[in-house]
């Protein structure tokens, strides 16, 4: 039996990071909500990390300076791994902040 408070907390975190369609599917589930929510969050974070890596590589090929974005990306990878274990709200907020910083650095590169 899943802990309803834990599922509610995870769904609150998922709402901030997964797509709206994924969130609707998660809330409609009757069983395995906790595991499905954790998996959806992890998948979304991995997808964003992959996107950032590819974007940084393409900027590098264009001859742009990506040092700061790369450094922040390495920090982000560690934060994502920690979040996937703990699922703490403060870690997710930190990840979202670093997301924005990397996007800004890539835009300014």
PDB file of N, CA and C in Angstrom:
ATOM      1  N   UNK A   1       0.840  -1.185   0.000  1.00  0.00           N
ATOM      2  CA  UNK A   1       0.000   0.000   0.000  1.00  0.00           C
ATOM      3  C   UNK A   1       0.882   1.243   0.000  1.00  0.00           C
ATOM      4  N   UNK A   2       0.607   2.131  -0.873  1.00  0.00           N
ATOM      5  CA  UNK A   2       1.391   3.347  -0.990  1.00  0.00           C
ATOM      6  C   UNK A   2       0.971   4.372   0.060  1.00  0.00           C
ATOM      7  N   UNK A   3       1.948   5.118   0.528  1.00  0.00           N
ATOM      8  CA  UNK A   3       1.684   6.182   1.484  1.00  0.00           C
ATOM      9  C   UNK A   3       1.075   7.361   0.726  1.00  0.00           C
ATOM     10  N   UNK A   4      -0.142   7.726   1.075  1.00  0.00           N
ATOM     11  CA  UNK A   4      -0.858   8.780   0.342  1.00  0.00           C
ATOM     12  C   UNK A   4      -0.163  10.128   0.448  1.00  0.00           C
ATOM     13  N   UNK A   5       0.428  10.412   1.614  1.00  0.00           N
ATOM     14  CA  UNK A   5       1.139  11.684   1.772  1.00  0.00           C
ATOM     15  C   UNK A   5       2.360  11.750   0.865  1.00  0.00           C
ATOM     16  N   UNK A   6       3.068  10.635   0.766  1.00  0.00           N
ATOM     17  CA  UNK A   6       4.260  10.592  -0.086  1.00  0.00           C
ATOM     18  C   UNK A   6       3.872  10.758  -1.556  1.00  0.00           C
ATOM     19  N   UNK A   7       2.813  10.097  -1.965  1.00  0.00           N
ATOM     20  CA  UNK A   7       2.340  10.213  -3.348  1.00  0.00           C
ATOM     21  C   UNK A   7       1.928  11.652  -3.641  1.00  0.00           C
ATOM     22  N   UNK A   8       1.221  12.266  -2.722  1.00  0.00           N
ATOM     23  CA  UNK A   8       0.790  13.653  -2.903  1.00  0.00           C
ATOM     24  C   UNK A   8       2.000  14.584  -3.011  1.00  0.00           C
ATOM     25  N   UNK A   9       3.015  14.360  -2.164  1.00  0.00           N
ATOM     26  CA  UNK A   9       4.228  15.179  -2.192  1.00  0.00           C
ATOM     27  C   UNK A   9       4.961  15.011  -3.527  1.00  0.00           C
ATOM     28  N   UNK A  10       5.076  13.764  -3.975  1.00  0.00           N
ATOM     29  CA  UNK A  10       5.753  13.501  -5.250  1.00  0.00           C
ATOM     30  C   UNK A  10       4.995  14.107  -6.425  1.00  0.00           C
ATOM     31  N   UNK A  11       3.678  14.027  -6.395  1.00  0.00           N
ATOM     32  CA  UNK A  11       2.886  14.628  -7.470  1.00  0.00           C
ATOM     33  C   UNK A  11       3.065  16.150  -7.490  1.00  0.00           C
ATOM     34  N   UNK A  12       3.200  16.751  -6.308  1.00  0.00           N
ATOM     35  CA  UNK A  12       3.467  18.190  -6.244  1.00  0.00           C
ATOM     36  C   UNK A  12       4.797  18.544  -6.886  1.00  0.00           C
ATOM     37  N   UNK A  13       5.809  17.692  -6.668  1.00  0.00           N
ATOM     38  CA  UNK A  13       7.105  17.915  -7.301  1.00  0.00           C
ATOM     39  C   UNK A  13       7.018  17.676  -8.810  1.00  0.00           C
ATOM     40  N   UNK A  14       6.294  16.629  -9.183  1.00  0.00           N
ATOM     41  CA  UNK A  14       6.166  16.285 -10.601  1.00  0.00           C
ATOM     42  C   UNK A  14       5.482  17.403 -11.378  1.00  0.00           C
ATOM     43  N   UNK A  15       4.535  18.061 -10.743  1.00  0.00           N
ATOM     44  CA  UNK A  15       3.797  19.135 -11.421  1.00  0.00           C
ATOM     45  C   UNK A  15       4.735  20.245 -11.871  1.00  0.00           C
ATOM     46  N   UNK A  16       5.842  20.429 -11.139  1.00  0.00           N
ATOM     47  CA  UNK A  16       6.800  21.491 -11.469  1.00  0.00           C
ATOM     48  C   UNK A  16       7.745  21.108 -12.601  1.00  0.00           C
ATOM     49  N   UNK A  17       7.889  19.817 -12.881  1.00  0.00           N
ATOM     50  CA  UNK A  17       8.944  19.417 -13.807  1.00  0.00           C
ATOM     51  C   UNK A  17       8.461  18.632 -15.033  1.00  0.00           C
ATOM     52  N   UNK A  18       7.415  17.819 -14.898  1.00  0.00           N
ATOM     53  CA  UNK A  18       6.977  17.011 -16.045  1.00  0.00           C
ATOM     54  C   UNK A  18       5.974  17.784 -16.894  1.00  0.00           C
ATOM     55  N   UNK A  19       5.729  17.284 -18.088  1.00  0.00           N
ATOM     56  CA  UNK A  19       4.776  17.940 -18.978  1.00  0.00           C
ATOM     57  C   UNK A  19       3.360  17.786 -18.429  1.00  0.00           C
ATOM     58  N   UNK A  20       2.471  18.641 -18.892  1.00  0.00           N
ATOM     59  CA  UNK A  20       1.078  18.611 -18.409  1.00  0.00           C
ATOM     60  C   UNK A  20       0.406  17.291 -18.749  1.00  0.00           C
ATOM     61  N   UNK A  21       0.663  16.772 -19.936  1.00  0.00           N
ATOM     62  CA  UNK A  21       0.019  15.513 -20.324  1.00  0.00           C
ATOM     63  C   UNK A  21       0.509  14.360 -19.451  1.00  0.00           C
ATOM     64  N   UNK A  22       1.792  14.349 -19.136  1.00  0.00           N
ATOM     65  CA  UNK A  22       2.331  13.307 -18.258  1.00  0.00           C
ATOM     66  C   UNK A  22       1.735  13.431 -16.868  1.00  0.00           C
ATOM     67  N   UNK A  23       1.612  14.665 -16.390  1.00  0.00           N
ATOM     68  CA  UNK A  23       1.046  14.891 -15.060  1.00  0.00           C
ATOM     69  C   UNK A  23      -0.396  14.387 -14.979  1.00  0.00           C
ATOM     70  N   UNK A  24      -1.172  14.641 -16.022  1.00  0.00           N
ATOM     71  CA  UNK A  24      -2.561  14.173 -16.041  1.00  0.00           C
ATOM     72  C   UNK A  24      -2.617  12.651 -15.998  1.00  0.00           C
ATOM     73  N   UNK A  25      -1.711  12.006 -16.734  1.00  0.00           N
ATOM     74  CA  UNK A  25      -1.676  10.540 -16.730  1.00  0.00           C
ATOM     75  C   UNK A  25      -1.302  10.018 -15.348  1.00  0.00           C
ATOM     76  N   UNK A  26      -0.365  10.699 -14.693  1.00  0.00           N
ATOM     77  CA  UNK A  26       0.053  10.264 -13.356  1.00  0.00           C
ATOM     78  C   UNK A  26      -1.092  10.379 -12.350  1.00  0.00           C
ATOM     79  N   UNK A  27      -1.828  11.473 -12.421  1.00  0.00           N
ATOM     80  CA  UNK A  27      -2.925  11.652 -11.461  1.00  0.00           C
ATOM     81  C   UNK A  27      -4.071  10.685 -11.726  1.00  0.00           C
ATOM     82  N   UNK A  28      -4.190  10.202 -12.950  1.00  0.00           N
ATOM     83  CA  UNK A  28      -5.276   9.280 -13.292  1.00  0.00           C
ATOM     84  C   UNK A  28      -4.967   7.833 -12.883  1.00  0.00           C
ATOM     85  N   UNK A  29      -3.722   7.535 -12.578  1.00  0.00           N
ATOM     86  CA  UNK A  29      -3.354   6.170 -12.203  1.00  0.00           C
ATOM     87  C   UNK A  29      -4.046   5.748 -10.914  1.00  0.00           C
ATOM     88  N   UNK A  30      -4.403   4.490 -10.842  1.00  0.00           N
ATOM     89  CA  UNK A  30      -5.042   3.946  -9.637  1.00  0.00           C
ATOM     90  C   UNK A  30      -4.011   3.240  -8.749  1.00  0.00           C
ATOM     91  N   UNK A  31      -3.045   2.578  -9.369  1.00  0.00           N
ATOM     92  CA  UNK A  31      -2.013   1.861  -8.609  1.00  0.00           C
ATOM     93  C   UNK A  31      -0.634   2.281  -9.094  1.00  0.00           C
ATOM     94  N   UNK A  32       0.364   1.986  -8.291  1.00  0.00           N
ATOM     95  CA  UNK A  32       1.766   2.256  -8.635  1.00  0.00           C
ATOM     96  C   UNK A  32       2.041   3.740  -8.895  1.00  0.00           C
ATOM     97  N   UNK A  33       1.280   4.611  -8.273  1.00  0.00           N
ATOM     98  CA  UNK A  33       1.446   6.055  -8.497  1.00  0.00           C
ATOM     99  C   UNK A  33       2.826   6.546  -8.067  1.00  0.00           C
ATOM    100  N   UNK A  34       3.273   6.067  -6.913  1.00  0.00           N
ATOM    101  CA  UNK A  34       4.544   6.537  -6.371  1.00  0.00           C
ATOM    102  C   UNK A  34       5.704   6.201  -7.307  1.00  0.00           C
ATOM    103  N   UNK A  35       5.787   4.948  -7.720  1.00  0.00           N
ATOM    104  CA  UNK A  35       6.874   4.523  -8.602  1.00  0.00           C
ATOM    105  C   UNK A  35       6.776   5.192  -9.973  1.00  0.00           C
ATOM    106  N   UNK A  36       5.572   5.307 -10.497  1.00  0.00           N
ATOM    107  CA  UNK A  36       5.376   5.941 -11.800  1.00  0.00           C
ATOM    108  C   UNK A  36       5.774   7.416 -11.749  1.00  0.00           C
ATOM    109  N   UNK A  37       5.454   8.085 -10.654  1.00  0.00           N
ATOM    110  CA  UNK A  37       5.794   9.501 -10.513  1.00  0.00           C
ATOM    111  C   UNK A  37       7.296   9.688 -10.415  1.00  0.00           C
ATOM    112  N   UNK A  38       7.947   8.857  -9.615  1.00  0.00           N
ATOM    113  CA  UNK A  38       9.417   8.923  -9.499  1.00  0.00           C
ATOM    114  C   UNK A  38      10.062   8.696 -10.863  1.00  0.00           C
ATOM    115  N   UNK A  39       9.555   7.712 -11.595  1.00  0.00           N
ATOM    116  CA  UNK A  39      10.107   7.399 -12.916  1.00  0.00           C
ATOM    117  C   UNK A  39       9.880   8.557 -13.892  1.00  0.00           C
ATOM    118  N   UNK A  40       8.709   9.165 -13.864  1.00  0.00           N
ATOM    119  CA  UNK A  40       8.408  10.277 -14.771  1.00  0.00           C
ATOM    120  C   UNK A  40       9.323  11.470 -14.496  1.00  0.00           C
ATOM    121  N   UNK A  41       9.550  11.756 -13.221  1.00  0.00           N
ATOM    122  CA  UNK A  41      10.443  12.867 -12.863  1.00  0.00           C
ATOM    123  C   UNK A  41      11.863  12.559 -13.328  1.00  0.00           C
ATOM    124  N   UNK A  42      12.332  11.346 -13.048  1.00  0.00           N
ATOM    125  CA  UNK A  42      13.689  10.961 -13.440  1.00  0.00           C
ATOM    126  C   UNK A  42      13.863  11.036 -14.954  1.00  0.00           C
ATOM    127  N   UNK A  43      12.885  10.539 -15.681  1.00  0.00           N
ATOM    128  CA  UNK A  43      12.954  10.551 -17.144  1.00  0.00           C
ATOM    129  C   UNK A  43      13.001  11.976 -17.679  1.00  0.00           C
ATOM    130  N   UNK A  44      12.176  12.842 -17.119  1.00  0.00           N
ATOM    131  CA  UNK A  44      12.145  14.241 -17.568  1.00  0.00           C
ATOM    132  C   UNK A  44      13.477  14.937 -17.283  1.00  0.00           C
ATOM    133  N   UNK A  45      14.027  14.724 -16.109  1.00  0.00           N
ATOM    134  CA  UNK A  45      15.316  15.337 -15.771  1.00  0.00           C
ATOM    135  C   UNK A  45      16.424  14.815 -16.682  1.00  0.00           C
ATOM    136  N   UNK A  46      16.428  13.507 -16.951  1.00  0.00           N
ATOM    137  CA  UNK A  46      17.421  12.932 -17.862  1.00  0.00           C
ATOM    138  C   UNK A  46      17.284  13.509 -19.266  1.00  0.00           C
ATOM    139  N   UNK A  47      16.049  13.711 -19.699  1.00  0.00           N
ATOM    140  CA  UNK A  47      15.795  14.283 -21.024  1.00  0.00           C
ATOM    141  C   UNK A  47      16.356  15.713 -21.120  1.00  0.00           C
ATOM    142  N   UNK A  48      16.130  16.498 -20.086  1.00  0.00           N
ATOM    143  CA  UNK A  48      16.620  17.877 -20.082  1.00  0.00           C
ATOM    144  C   UNK A  48      18.147  17.901 -20.042  1.00  0.00           C
ATOM    145  N   UNK A  49      18.753  17.032 -19.237  1.00  0.00           N
ATOM    146  CA  UNK A  49      20.215  16.951 -19.191  1.00  0.00           C
ATOM    147  C   UNK A  49      20.786  16.610 -20.561  1.00  0.00           C
ATOM    148  N   UNK A  50      20.164  15.641 -21.226  1.00  0.00           N
ATOM    149  CA  UNK A  50      20.613  15.239 -22.554  1.00  0.00           C
ATOM    150  C   UNK A  50      20.500  16.402 -23.543  1.00  0.00           C
ATOM    151  N   UNK A  51      19.398  17.137 -23.459  1.00  0.00           N
ATOM    152  CA  UNK A  51      19.200  18.301 -24.333  1.00  0.00           C
ATOM    153  C   UNK A  51      20.296  19.343 -24.097  1.00  0.00           C
ATOM    154  N   UNK A  52      20.585  19.635 -22.835  1.00  0.00           N
ATOM    155  CA  UNK A  52      21.626  20.611 -22.509  1.00  0.00           C
ATOM    156  C   UNK A  52      22.985  20.158 -23.031  1.00  0.00           C
ATOM    157  N   UNK A  53      23.303  18.869 -22.858  1.00  0.00           N
ATOM    158  CA  UNK A  53      24.585  18.362 -23.345  1.00  0.00           C
ATOM    159  C   UNK A  53      24.715  18.540 -24.855  1.00  0.00           C
ATOM    160  N   UNK A  54      23.665  18.182 -25.582  1.00  0.00           N
ATOM    161  CA  UNK A  54      23.699  18.315 -27.044  1.00  0.00           C
ATOM    162  C   UNK A  54      23.817  19.777 -27.464  1.00  0.00           C
ATOM    163  N   UNK A  55      23.109  20.642 -26.772  1.00  0.00           N
ATOM    164  CA  UNK A  55      23.154  22.079 -27.098  1.00  0.00           C
ATOM    165  C   UNK A  55      24.546  22.655 -26.827  1.00  0.00           C
ATOM    166  N   UNK A  56      25.160  22.255 -25.726  1.00  0.00           N
ATOM    167  CA  UNK A  56      26.510  22.737 -25.407  1.00  0.00           C
ATOM    168  C   UNK A  56      27.508  22.245 -26.440  1.00  0.00           C
ATOM    169  N   UNK A  57      27.368  21.001 -26.866  1.00  0.00           N
ATOM    170  CA  UNK A  57      28.261  20.460 -27.898  1.00  0.00           C
ATOM    171  C   UNK A  57      28.125  21.256 -29.194  1.00  0.00           C
ATOM    172  N   UNK A  58      26.897  21.570 -29.582  1.00  0.00           N
ATOM    173  CA  UNK A  58      26.702  22.331 -30.820  1.00  0.00           C
ATOM    174  C   UNK A  58      27.260  23.754 -30.691  1.00  0.00           C
ATOM    175  N   UNK A  59      27.116  24.356 -29.517  1.00  0.00           N
ATOM    176  CA  UNK A  59      27.693  25.698 -29.310  1.00  0.00           C
ATOM    177  C   UNK A  59      29.212  25.649 -29.353  1.00  0.00           C
ATOM    178  N   UNK A  60      29.775  24.591 -28.808  1.00  0.00           N
ATOM    179  CA  UNK A  60      31.230  24.412 -28.835  1.00  0.00           C
ATOM    180  C   UNK A  60      31.733  24.306 -30.279  1.00  0.00           C
ATOM    181  N   UNK A  61      30.996  23.553 -31.104  1.00  0.00           N
ATOM    182  CA  UNK A  61      31.376  23.389 -32.504  1.00  0.00           C
ATOM    183  C   UNK A  61      31.328  24.710 -33.258  1.00  0.00           C
ATOM    184  N   UNK A  62      30.441  25.599 -32.810  1.00  0.00           N
ATOM    185  CA  UNK A  62      30.340  26.924 -33.425  1.00  0.00           C
ATOM    186  C   UNK A  62      31.457  27.844 -32.943  1.00  0.00           C
ATOM    187  N   UNK A  63      32.264  27.365 -32.008  1.00  0.00           N
ATOM    188  CA  UNK A  63      33.372  28.156 -31.508  1.00  0.00           C
ATOM    189  C   UNK A  63      33.019  29.062 -30.344  1.00  0.00           C
ATOM    190  N   UNK A  64      31.881  28.837 -29.740  1.00  0.00           N
ATOM    191  CA  UNK A  64      31.435  29.669 -28.614  1.00  0.00           C
ATOM    192  C   UNK A  64      32.068  29.169 -27.311  1.00  0.00           C
ATOM    193  N   UNK A  65      32.210  30.083 -26.353  1.00  0.00           N
ATOM    194  CA  UNK A  65      32.752  29.735 -25.045  1.00  0.00           C
ATOM    195  C   UNK A  65      31.647  29.137 -24.187  1.00  0.00           C
ATOM    196  N   UNK A  66      31.799  27.866 -23.829  1.00  0.00           N
ATOM    197  CA  UNK A  66      30.765  27.171 -23.063  1.00  0.00           C
ATOM    198  C   UNK A  66      31.272  26.707 -21.702  1.00  0.00           C
ATOM    199  N   UNK A  67      32.392  27.244 -21.244  1.00  0.00           N
ATOM    200  CA  UNK A  67      33.001  26.769 -20.005  1.00  0.00           C
ATOM    201  C   UNK A  67      32.045  26.859 -18.816  1.00  0.00           C
ATOM    202  N   UNK A  68      31.417  27.994 -18.632  1.00  0.00           N
ATOM    203  CA  UNK A  68      30.531  28.177 -17.472  1.00  0.00           C
ATOM    204  C   UNK A  68      29.319  27.253 -17.574  1.00  0.00           C
ATOM    205  N   UNK A  69      28.740  27.146 -18.761  1.00  0.00           N
ATOM    206  CA  UNK A  69      27.584  26.258 -18.953  1.00  0.00           C
ATOM    207  C   UNK A  69      27.978  24.802 -18.690  1.00  0.00           C
ATOM    208  N   UNK A  70      29.158  24.401 -19.137  1.00  0.00           N
ATOM    209  CA  UNK A  70      29.623  23.034 -18.893  1.00  0.00           C
ATOM    210  C   UNK A  70      29.830  22.773 -17.407  1.00  0.00           C
ATOM    211  N   UNK A  71      30.411  23.742 -16.718  1.00  0.00           N
ATOM    212  CA  UNK A  71      30.645  23.604 -15.282  1.00  0.00           C
ATOM    213  C   UNK A  71      29.323  23.464 -14.538  1.00  0.00           C
ATOM    214  N   UNK A  72      28.371  24.288 -14.896  1.00  0.00           N
ATOM    215  CA  UNK A  72      27.051  24.217 -14.251  1.00  0.00           C
ATOM    216  C   UNK A  72      26.355  22.905 -14.596  1.00  0.00           C
ATOM    217  N   UNK A  73      26.570  22.409 -15.812  1.00  0.00           N
ATOM    218  CA  UNK A  73      25.969  21.137 -16.212  1.00  0.00           C
ATOM    219  C   UNK A  73      26.515  19.992 -15.362  1.00  0.00           C
ATOM    220  N   UNK A  74      27.814  20.009 -15.074  1.00  0.00           N
ATOM    221  CA  UNK A  74      28.401  18.969 -14.233  1.00  0.00           C
ATOM    222  C   UNK A  74      27.834  19.036 -12.815  1.00  0.00           C
ATOM    223  N   UNK A  75      27.649  20.246 -12.314  1.00  0.00           N
ATOM    224  CA  UNK A  75      27.023  20.417 -11.000  1.00  0.00           C
ATOM    225  C   UNK A  75      25.598  19.886 -11.035  1.00  0.00           C
ATOM    226  N   UNK A  76      24.903  20.188 -12.114  1.00  0.00           N
ATOM    227  CA  UNK A  76      23.513  19.764 -12.263  1.00  0.00           C
ATOM    228  C   UNK A  76      23.381  18.244 -12.262  1.00  0.00           C
ATOM    229  N   UNK A  77      24.307  17.566 -12.910  1.00  0.00           N
ATOM    230  CA  UNK A  77      24.255  16.102 -12.952  1.00  0.00           C
ATOM    231  C   UNK A  77      24.302  15.513 -11.546  1.00  0.00           C
ATOM    232  N   UNK A  78      25.165  16.071 -10.713  1.00  0.00           N
ATOM    233  CA  UNK A  78      25.245  15.597  -9.334  1.00  0.00           C
ATOM    234  C   UNK A  78      23.970  15.880  -8.557  1.00  0.00           C
ATOM    235  N   UNK A  79      23.411  17.063  -8.770  1.00  0.00           N
ATOM    236  CA  UNK A  79      22.158  17.429  -8.097  1.00  0.00           C
ATOM    237  C   UNK A  79      21.015  16.506  -8.517  1.00  0.00           C
ATOM    238  N   UNK A  80      20.972  16.159  -9.803  1.00  0.00           N
ATOM    239  CA  UNK A  80      19.914  15.274 -10.301  1.00  0.00           C
ATOM    240  C   UNK A  80      20.050  13.888  -9.670  1.00  0.00           C
ATOM    241  N   UNK A  81      21.284  13.387  -9.578  1.00  0.00           N
ATOM    242  CA  UNK A  81      21.490  12.078  -8.952  1.00  0.00           C
ATOM    243  C   UNK A  81      21.041  12.103  -7.498  1.00  0.00           C
ATOM    244  N   UNK A  82      21.385  13.173  -6.790  1.00  0.00           N
ATOM    245  CA  UNK A  82      20.970  13.303  -5.396  1.00  0.00           C
ATOM    246  C   UNK A  82      19.443  13.369  -5.286  1.00  0.00           C
ATOM    247  N   UNK A  83      18.822  14.143  -6.167  1.00  0.00           N
ATOM    248  CA  UNK A  83      17.360  14.255  -6.140  1.00  0.00           C
ATOM    249  C   UNK A  83      16.696  12.911  -6.411  1.00  0.00           C
ATOM    250  N   UNK A  84      17.239  12.135  -7.348  1.00  0.00           N
ATOM    251  CA  UNK A  84      16.648  10.841  -7.682  1.00  0.00           C
ATOM    252  C   UNK A  84      16.677   9.880  -6.498  1.00  0.00           C
ATOM    253  N   UNK A  85      17.568  10.131  -5.542  1.00  0.00           N
ATOM    254  CA  UNK A  85      17.634   9.304  -4.341  1.00  0.00           C
ATOM    255  C   UNK A  85      16.739   9.863  -3.232  1.00  0.00           C
ATOM    256  N   UNK A  86      16.810  11.178  -3.014  1.00  0.00           N
ATOM    257  CA  UNK A  86      16.118  11.780  -1.863  1.00  0.00           C
ATOM    258  C   UNK A  86      14.713  12.278  -2.165  1.00  0.00           C
ATOM    259  N   UNK A  87      14.506  12.789  -3.348  1.00  0.00           N
ATOM    260  CA  UNK A  87      13.235  13.401  -3.760  1.00  0.00           C
ATOM    261  C   UNK A  87      12.823  14.534  -2.834  1.00  0.00           C
ATOM    262  N   UNK A  88      13.798  15.361  -2.438  1.00  0.00           N
ATOM    263  CA  UNK A  88      13.513  16.517  -1.592  1.00  0.00           C
ATOM    264  C   UNK A  88      13.167  17.723  -2.445  1.00  0.00           C
ATOM    265  N   UNK A  89      12.239  18.508  -1.961  1.00  0.00           N
ATOM    266  CA  UNK A  89      11.774  19.693  -2.681  1.00  0.00           C
ATOM    267  C   UNK A  89      12.902  20.702  -2.880  1.00  0.00           C
ATOM    268  N   UNK A  90      13.750  20.882  -1.877  1.00  0.00           N
ATOM    269  CA  UNK A  90      14.824  21.871  -1.997  1.00  0.00           C
ATOM    270  C   UNK A  90      15.817  21.482  -3.092  1.00  0.00           C
ATOM    271  N   UNK A  91      16.020  20.187  -3.287  1.00  0.00           N
ATOM    272  CA  UNK A  91      16.905  19.736  -4.365  1.00  0.00           C
ATOM    273  C   UNK A  91      16.287  20.056  -5.722  1.00  0.00           C
ATOM    274  N   UNK A  92      14.988  19.837  -5.845  1.00  0.00           N
ATOM    275  CA  UNK A  92      14.314  20.145  -7.105  1.00  0.00           C
ATOM    276  C   UNK A  92      14.357  21.642  -7.388  1.00  0.00           C
ATOM    277  N   UNK A  93      14.163  22.453  -6.366  1.00  0.00           N
ATOM    278  CA  UNK A  93      14.243  23.903  -6.546  1.00  0.00           C
ATOM    279  C   UNK A  93      15.641  24.318  -6.978  1.00  0.00           C
ATOM    280  N   UNK A  94      16.653  23.675  -6.404  1.00  0.00           N
ATOM    281  CA  UNK A  94      18.038  23.952  -6.783  1.00  0.00           C
ATOM    282  C   UNK A  94      18.284  23.544  -8.242  1.00  0.00           C
ATOM    283  N   UNK A  95      17.734  22.408  -8.640  1.00  0.00           N
ATOM    284  CA  UNK A  95      17.877  21.928 -10.021  1.00  0.00           C
ATOM    285  C   UNK A  95      17.220  22.909 -10.986  1.00  0.00           C
ATOM    286  N   UNK A  96      16.025  23.355 -10.656  1.00  0.00           N
ATOM    287  CA  UNK A  96      15.316  24.301 -11.527  1.00  0.00           C
ATOM    288  C   UNK A  96      16.095  25.609 -11.656  1.00  0.00           C
ATOM    289  N   UNK A  97      16.715  26.060 -10.574  1.00  0.00           N
ATOM    290  CA  UNK A  97      17.525  27.283 -10.606  1.00  0.00           C
ATOM    291  C   UNK A  97      18.730  27.100 -11.519  1.00  0.00           C
ATOM    292  N   UNK A  98      19.393  25.955 -11.414  1.00  0.00           N
ATOM    293  CA  UNK A  98      20.554  25.691 -12.269  1.00  0.00           C
ATOM    294  C   UNK A  98      20.119  25.552 -13.720  1.00  0.00           C
ATOM    295  N   UNK A  99      18.951  24.944 -13.976  1.00  0.00           N
ATOM    296  CA  UNK A  99      18.402  24.874 -15.341  1.00  0.00           C
ATOM    297  C   UNK A  99      18.366  26.277 -15.957  1.00  0.00           C
ATOM    298  N   UNK A 100      17.802  27.202 -15.218  1.00  0.00           N
ATOM    299  CA  UNK A 100      17.654  28.572 -15.724  1.00  0.00           C
ATOM    300  C   UNK A 100      19.012  29.220 -15.958  1.00  0.00           C
ATOM    301  N   UNK A 101      19.960  28.971 -15.059  1.00  0.00           N
ATOM    302  CA  UNK A 101      21.299  29.545 -15.214  1.00  0.00           C
ATOM    303  C   UNK A 101      21.992  28.994 -16.457  1.00  0.00           C
ATOM    304  N   UNK A 102      21.857  27.695 -16.701  1.00  0.00           N
ATOM    305  CA  UNK A 102      22.470  27.083 -17.886  1.00  0.00           C
ATOM    306  C   UNK A 102      21.826  27.639 -19.154  1.00  0.00           C
ATOM    307  N   UNK A 103      20.506  27.768 -19.151  1.00  0.00           N
ATOM    308  CA  UNK A 103      19.817  28.327 -20.316  1.00  0.00           C
ATOM    309  C   UNK A 103      20.322  29.748 -20.592  1.00  0.00           C
ATOM    310  N   UNK A 104      20.492  30.532 -19.546  1.00  0.00           N
ATOM    311  CA  UNK A 104      20.976  31.893 -19.697  1.00  0.00           C
ATOM    312  C   UNK A 104      22.400  31.897 -20.258  1.00  0.00           C
ATOM    313  N   UNK A 105      23.256  31.016 -19.749  1.00  0.00           N
ATOM    314  CA  UNK A 105      24.637  30.942 -20.231  1.00  0.00           C
ATOM    315  C   UNK A 105      24.691  30.509 -21.697  1.00  0.00           C
ATOM    316  N   UNK A 106      23.845  29.562 -22.072  1.00  0.00           N
ATOM    317  CA  UNK A 106      23.827  29.115 -23.473  1.00  0.00           C
ATOM    318  C   UNK A 106      23.324  30.223 -24.383  1.00  0.00           C
ATOM    319  N   UNK A 107      22.376  30.984 -23.899  1.00  0.00           N
ATOM    320  CA  UNK A 107      21.835  32.084 -24.697  1.00  0.00           C
ATOM    321  C   UNK A 107      22.892  33.173 -24.894  1.00  0.00           C
ATOM    322  N   UNK A 108      23.676  33.424 -23.853  1.00  0.00           N
ATOM    323  CA  UNK A 108      24.694  34.477 -23.913  1.00  0.00           C
ATOM    324  C   UNK A 108      25.999  34.015 -24.537  1.00  0.00           C
ATOM    325  N   UNK A 109      26.151  32.722 -24.807  1.00  0.00           N
ATOM    326  CA  UNK A 109      27.413  32.211 -25.368  1.00  0.00           C
ATOM    327  C   UNK A 109      27.646  32.716 -26.767  1.00  0.00           C
TER     328      UNK A 109
END
